[in-house]
Amino acid sequence: MGLFDKLLGRNIGGKPAKSSTVAKDRLQLALISDRIKVTPEQMELIKEEIVSVISRHFDIDREAMEITWGDKHDKLVANIPVRRSRML
């Protein structure tokens, strides 16, 4: 489960997250958004736009996708399973 899913309370096929883990993830997101001057709402909008654009070209597995921040929080990492191309 990606950071965005955890923060939005989306628990896909797993145990409920510990409150300490949720608090840590929220703090990380707050620090990231402060450093890059993007609000959590803007980050969620960016994620939705990325998914929208990719969905135009590929049939993707939205339940298995993860969009997270890299180790040093200087890059956005997308892991989006593709079922098939829509370009055929």
N, C-alpha and C. Protein backbone atom coordinates (compact mmCIF):
# COMPACT_ATOMS: atom_id res chain seq x y z
N MET A 1 0.86 -1.17 0.00
CA MET A 1 0.00 0.00 0.00
C MET A 1 0.90 1.23 0.00
N GLY A 2 0.58 2.17 -0.85
CA GLY A 2 1.37 3.38 -0.97
C GLY A 2 1.07 4.40 0.12
N LEU A 3 1.94 5.36 0.23
CA LEU A 3 1.80 6.42 1.23
C LEU A 3 0.47 7.15 1.08
N PHE A 4 0.07 7.45 -0.15
CA PHE A 4 -1.19 8.16 -0.37
C PHE A 4 -2.37 7.32 0.11
N ASP A 5 -2.34 6.02 -0.15
CA ASP A 5 -3.43 5.16 0.30
C ASP A 5 -3.51 5.12 1.82
N LYS A 6 -2.36 5.04 2.47
CA LYS A 6 -2.34 5.03 3.93
C LYS A 6 -2.91 6.32 4.49
N LEU A 7 -2.51 7.42 3.91
CA LEU A 7 -2.96 8.71 4.42
C LEU A 7 -4.44 8.94 4.19
N LEU A 8 -4.97 8.36 3.13
CA LEU A 8 -6.38 8.53 2.83
C LEU A 8 -7.24 7.44 3.45
N GLY A 9 -6.62 6.58 4.26
CA GLY A 9 -7.37 5.54 4.96
C GLY A 9 -7.79 4.38 4.09
N ARG A 10 -7.15 4.20 2.97
CA ARG A 10 -7.48 3.08 2.08
C ARG A 10 -6.63 1.89 2.49
N ASN A 11 -7.25 0.91 3.06
CA ASN A 11 -6.54 -0.29 3.47
C ASN A 11 -6.92 -1.41 2.53
N ILE A 12 -6.08 -1.70 1.59
CA ILE A 12 -6.38 -2.67 0.55
C ILE A 12 -5.83 -4.03 0.96
N GLY A 13 -6.72 -4.92 1.37
CA GLY A 13 -6.36 -6.30 1.67
C GLY A 13 -5.34 -6.49 2.76
N GLY A 14 -5.40 -5.76 3.82
CA GLY A 14 -4.43 -5.93 4.89
C GLY A 14 -4.99 -5.55 6.24
N LYS A 15 -4.12 -5.63 7.24
CA LYS A 15 -4.51 -5.26 8.59
C LYS A 15 -4.61 -3.74 8.69
N PRO A 16 -5.43 -3.26 9.63
CA PRO A 16 -5.47 -1.80 9.84
C PRO A 16 -4.09 -1.29 10.26
N ALA A 17 -3.72 -0.15 9.75
CA ALA A 17 -2.41 0.43 10.08
C ALA A 17 -2.41 0.90 11.53
N LYS A 18 -1.26 0.76 12.18
CA LYS A 18 -1.11 1.26 13.54
C LYS A 18 -1.18 2.78 13.51
N SER A 19 -1.72 3.36 14.58
CA SER A 19 -1.83 4.82 14.61
C SER A 19 -0.46 5.48 14.55
N SER A 20 0.57 4.83 15.12
CA SER A 20 1.91 5.41 15.06
C SER A 20 2.44 5.44 13.62
N THR A 21 2.13 4.40 12.86
CA THR A 21 2.55 4.35 11.46
C THR A 21 1.84 5.42 10.64
N VAL A 22 0.54 5.57 10.88
CA VAL A 22 -0.24 6.59 10.17
C VAL A 22 0.29 7.98 10.51
N ALA A 23 0.59 8.22 11.79
CA ALA A 23 1.12 9.52 12.22
C ALA A 23 2.47 9.79 11.57
N LYS A 24 3.33 8.77 11.51
CA LYS A 24 4.65 8.93 10.89
C LYS A 24 4.50 9.27 9.40
N ASP A 25 3.61 8.55 8.72
CA ASP A 25 3.39 8.80 7.29
C ASP A 25 2.84 10.20 7.05
N ARG A 26 1.93 10.64 7.90
CA ARG A 26 1.38 11.99 7.76
C ARG A 26 2.45 13.05 7.97
N LEU A 27 3.33 12.82 8.94
CA LEU A 27 4.43 13.76 9.19
C LEU A 27 5.36 13.80 7.98
N GLN A 28 5.68 12.63 7.43
CA GLN A 28 6.54 12.60 6.24
C GLN A 28 5.91 13.38 5.10
N LEU A 29 4.62 13.18 4.88
CA LEU A 29 3.93 13.89 3.80
C LEU A 29 3.93 15.39 4.06
N ALA A 30 3.73 15.79 5.32
CA ALA A 30 3.74 17.22 5.66
C ALA A 30 5.12 17.82 5.39
N LEU A 31 6.17 17.10 5.75
CA LEU A 31 7.53 17.60 5.51
C LEU A 31 7.84 17.68 4.02
N ILE A 32 7.41 16.68 3.27
CA ILE A 32 7.62 16.69 1.82
C ILE A 32 6.88 17.86 1.19
N SER A 33 5.60 18.01 1.55
CA SER A 33 4.81 19.08 0.94
C SER A 33 5.34 20.45 1.31
N ASP A 34 5.89 20.59 2.51
CA ASP A 34 6.48 21.87 2.91
C ASP A 34 7.75 22.15 2.10
N ARG A 35 8.56 21.11 1.90
CA ARG A 35 9.82 21.28 1.18
C ARG A 35 9.59 21.61 -0.29
N ILE A 36 8.61 20.98 -0.91
CA ILE A 36 8.39 21.21 -2.34
C ILE A 36 7.24 22.16 -2.61
N LYS A 37 6.65 22.69 -1.54
CA LYS A 37 5.58 23.71 -1.66
C LYS A 37 4.35 23.19 -2.40
N VAL A 38 3.93 21.96 -2.05
CA VAL A 38 2.74 21.36 -2.63
C VAL A 38 1.87 20.84 -1.48
N THR A 39 0.59 21.16 -1.51
CA THR A 39 -0.31 20.71 -0.45
C THR A 39 -0.68 19.24 -0.67
N PRO A 40 -1.12 18.55 0.39
CA PRO A 40 -1.57 17.16 0.21
C PRO A 40 -2.69 17.03 -0.83
N GLU A 41 -3.57 18.02 -0.88
CA GLU A 41 -4.64 17.99 -1.87
C GLU A 41 -4.08 18.08 -3.29
N GLN A 42 -3.06 18.94 -3.48
CA GLN A 42 -2.43 19.06 -4.79
C GLN A 42 -1.72 17.76 -5.17
N MET A 43 -1.08 17.12 -4.18
CA MET A 43 -0.40 15.85 -4.47
C MET A 43 -1.40 14.78 -4.88
N GLU A 44 -2.56 14.74 -4.23
CA GLU A 44 -3.59 13.77 -4.60
C GLU A 44 -4.11 14.06 -6.00
N LEU A 45 -4.27 15.33 -6.34
CA LEU A 45 -4.70 15.71 -7.69
C LEU A 45 -3.67 15.28 -8.73
N ILE A 46 -2.39 15.46 -8.42
CA ILE A 46 -1.32 15.03 -9.33
C ILE A 46 -1.40 13.52 -9.55
N LYS A 47 -1.59 12.78 -8.46
CA LYS A 47 -1.71 11.32 -8.57
C LYS A 47 -2.89 10.95 -9.47
N GLU A 48 -4.04 11.58 -9.27
CA GLU A 48 -5.22 11.29 -10.09
C GLU A 48 -4.97 11.62 -11.56
N GLU A 49 -4.26 12.71 -11.83
CA GLU A 49 -3.96 13.08 -13.22
C GLU A 49 -3.02 12.07 -13.87
N ILE A 50 -2.02 11.60 -13.12
CA ILE A 50 -1.10 10.60 -13.64
C ILE A 50 -1.87 9.35 -14.03
N VAL A 51 -2.74 8.89 -13.14
CA VAL A 51 -3.54 7.70 -13.40
C VAL A 51 -4.46 7.92 -14.60
N SER A 52 -5.05 9.08 -14.70
CA SER A 52 -5.95 9.39 -15.82
C SER A 52 -5.23 9.32 -17.16
N VAL A 53 -4.05 9.91 -17.22
CA VAL A 53 -3.29 9.91 -18.48
C VAL A 53 -2.86 8.50 -18.85
N ILE A 54 -2.34 7.75 -17.90
CA ILE A 54 -1.88 6.39 -18.19
C ILE A 54 -3.06 5.51 -18.58
N SER A 55 -4.22 5.73 -17.94
CA SER A 55 -5.42 4.93 -18.23
C SER A 55 -5.93 5.14 -19.65
N ARG A 56 -5.61 6.25 -20.26
CA ARG A 56 -6.02 6.48 -21.65
C ARG A 56 -5.30 5.54 -22.61
N HIS A 57 -4.12 5.10 -22.23
CA HIS A 57 -3.28 4.29 -23.11
C HIS A 57 -3.18 2.83 -22.69
N PHE A 58 -3.42 2.56 -21.40
CA PHE A 58 -3.28 1.20 -20.88
C PHE A 58 -4.43 0.86 -19.94
N ASP A 59 -4.79 -0.43 -19.92
CA ASP A 59 -5.72 -0.94 -18.93
C ASP A 59 -4.86 -1.26 -17.71
N ILE A 60 -5.06 -0.54 -16.61
CA ILE A 60 -4.20 -0.71 -15.44
C ILE A 60 -4.97 -1.33 -14.28
N ASP A 61 -4.22 -1.91 -13.35
CA ASP A 61 -4.78 -2.49 -12.14
C ASP A 61 -4.70 -1.44 -11.04
N ARG A 62 -5.78 -0.68 -10.85
CA ARG A 62 -5.78 0.42 -9.88
C ARG A 62 -5.64 -0.07 -8.45
N GLU A 63 -6.13 -1.27 -8.15
CA GLU A 63 -6.04 -1.80 -6.79
C GLU A 63 -4.60 -2.13 -6.41
N ALA A 64 -3.79 -2.53 -7.37
CA ALA A 64 -2.42 -2.93 -7.09
C ALA A 64 -1.40 -1.80 -7.30
N MET A 65 -1.85 -0.67 -7.80
CA MET A 65 -0.90 0.40 -8.09
C MET A 65 -0.43 1.09 -6.81
N GLU A 66 0.79 1.58 -6.87
CA GLU A 66 1.37 2.33 -5.75
C GLU A 66 2.08 3.56 -6.31
N ILE A 67 1.79 4.70 -5.73
CA ILE A 67 2.51 5.92 -6.06
C ILE A 67 3.05 6.45 -4.75
N THR A 68 4.37 6.46 -4.62
CA THR A 68 5.01 6.81 -3.36
C THR A 68 6.15 7.81 -3.61
N TRP A 69 6.72 8.26 -2.53
CA TRP A 69 7.91 9.11 -2.61
C TRP A 69 9.14 8.24 -2.50
N GLY A 70 10.21 8.60 -3.22
CA GLY A 70 11.47 7.87 -3.18
C GLY A 70 12.11 7.97 -1.81
N ASP A 71 13.17 7.19 -1.63
CA ASP A 71 13.85 7.11 -0.33
C ASP A 71 14.25 8.47 0.23
N LYS A 72 14.74 9.33 -0.62
CA LYS A 72 15.19 10.65 -0.16
C LYS A 72 14.11 11.71 -0.33
N HIS A 73 12.90 11.27 -0.69
CA HIS A 73 11.75 12.16 -0.87
C HIS A 73 12.02 13.25 -1.90
N ASP A 74 12.84 12.91 -2.89
CA ASP A 74 13.13 13.88 -3.95
C ASP A 74 12.58 13.43 -5.30
N LYS A 75 11.82 12.32 -5.28
CA LYS A 75 11.22 11.85 -6.52
C LYS A 75 9.92 11.11 -6.21
N LEU A 76 9.03 11.15 -7.14
CA LEU A 76 7.76 10.44 -7.06
C LEU A 76 7.94 9.12 -7.80
N VAL A 77 7.60 8.01 -7.16
CA VAL A 77 7.80 6.69 -7.75
C VAL A 77 6.44 6.06 -7.99
N ALA A 78 6.18 5.66 -9.24
CA ALA A 78 4.90 5.04 -9.59
C ALA A 78 5.12 3.59 -9.98
N ASN A 79 4.39 2.70 -9.34
CA ASN A 79 4.38 1.28 -9.69
C ASN A 79 2.95 0.97 -10.10
N ILE A 80 2.71 0.92 -11.40
CA ILE A 80 1.35 0.78 -11.92
C ILE A 80 1.30 -0.47 -12.81
N PRO A 81 0.74 -1.57 -12.30
CA PRO A 81 0.63 -2.78 -13.10
C PRO A 81 -0.27 -2.56 -14.33
N VAL A 82 0.23 -2.96 -15.48
CA VAL A 82 -0.49 -2.79 -16.74
C VAL A 82 -1.04 -4.15 -17.16
N ARG A 83 -2.35 -4.19 -17.43
CA ARG A 83 -2.98 -5.43 -17.88
C ARG A 83 -2.80 -5.61 -19.38
N ARG A 84 -3.05 -4.52 -20.13
CA ARG A 84 -2.87 -4.57 -21.59
C ARG A 84 -2.86 -3.15 -22.13
N SER A 85 -2.38 -3.04 -23.36
CA SER A 85 -2.36 -1.74 -24.03
C SER A 85 -3.73 -1.47 -24.65
N ARG A 86 -4.13 -0.21 -24.67
CA ARG A 86 -5.38 0.18 -25.33
C ARG A 86 -5.12 0.62 -26.77
N MET A 87 -3.88 0.57 -27.22
CA MET A 87 -3.50 1.10 -28.53
C MET A 87 -3.65 0.09 -29.65
N LEU A 88 -4.11 -1.09 -29.36
CA LEU A 88 -4.22 -2.13 -30.40
C LEU A 88 -5.35 -1.87 -31.34
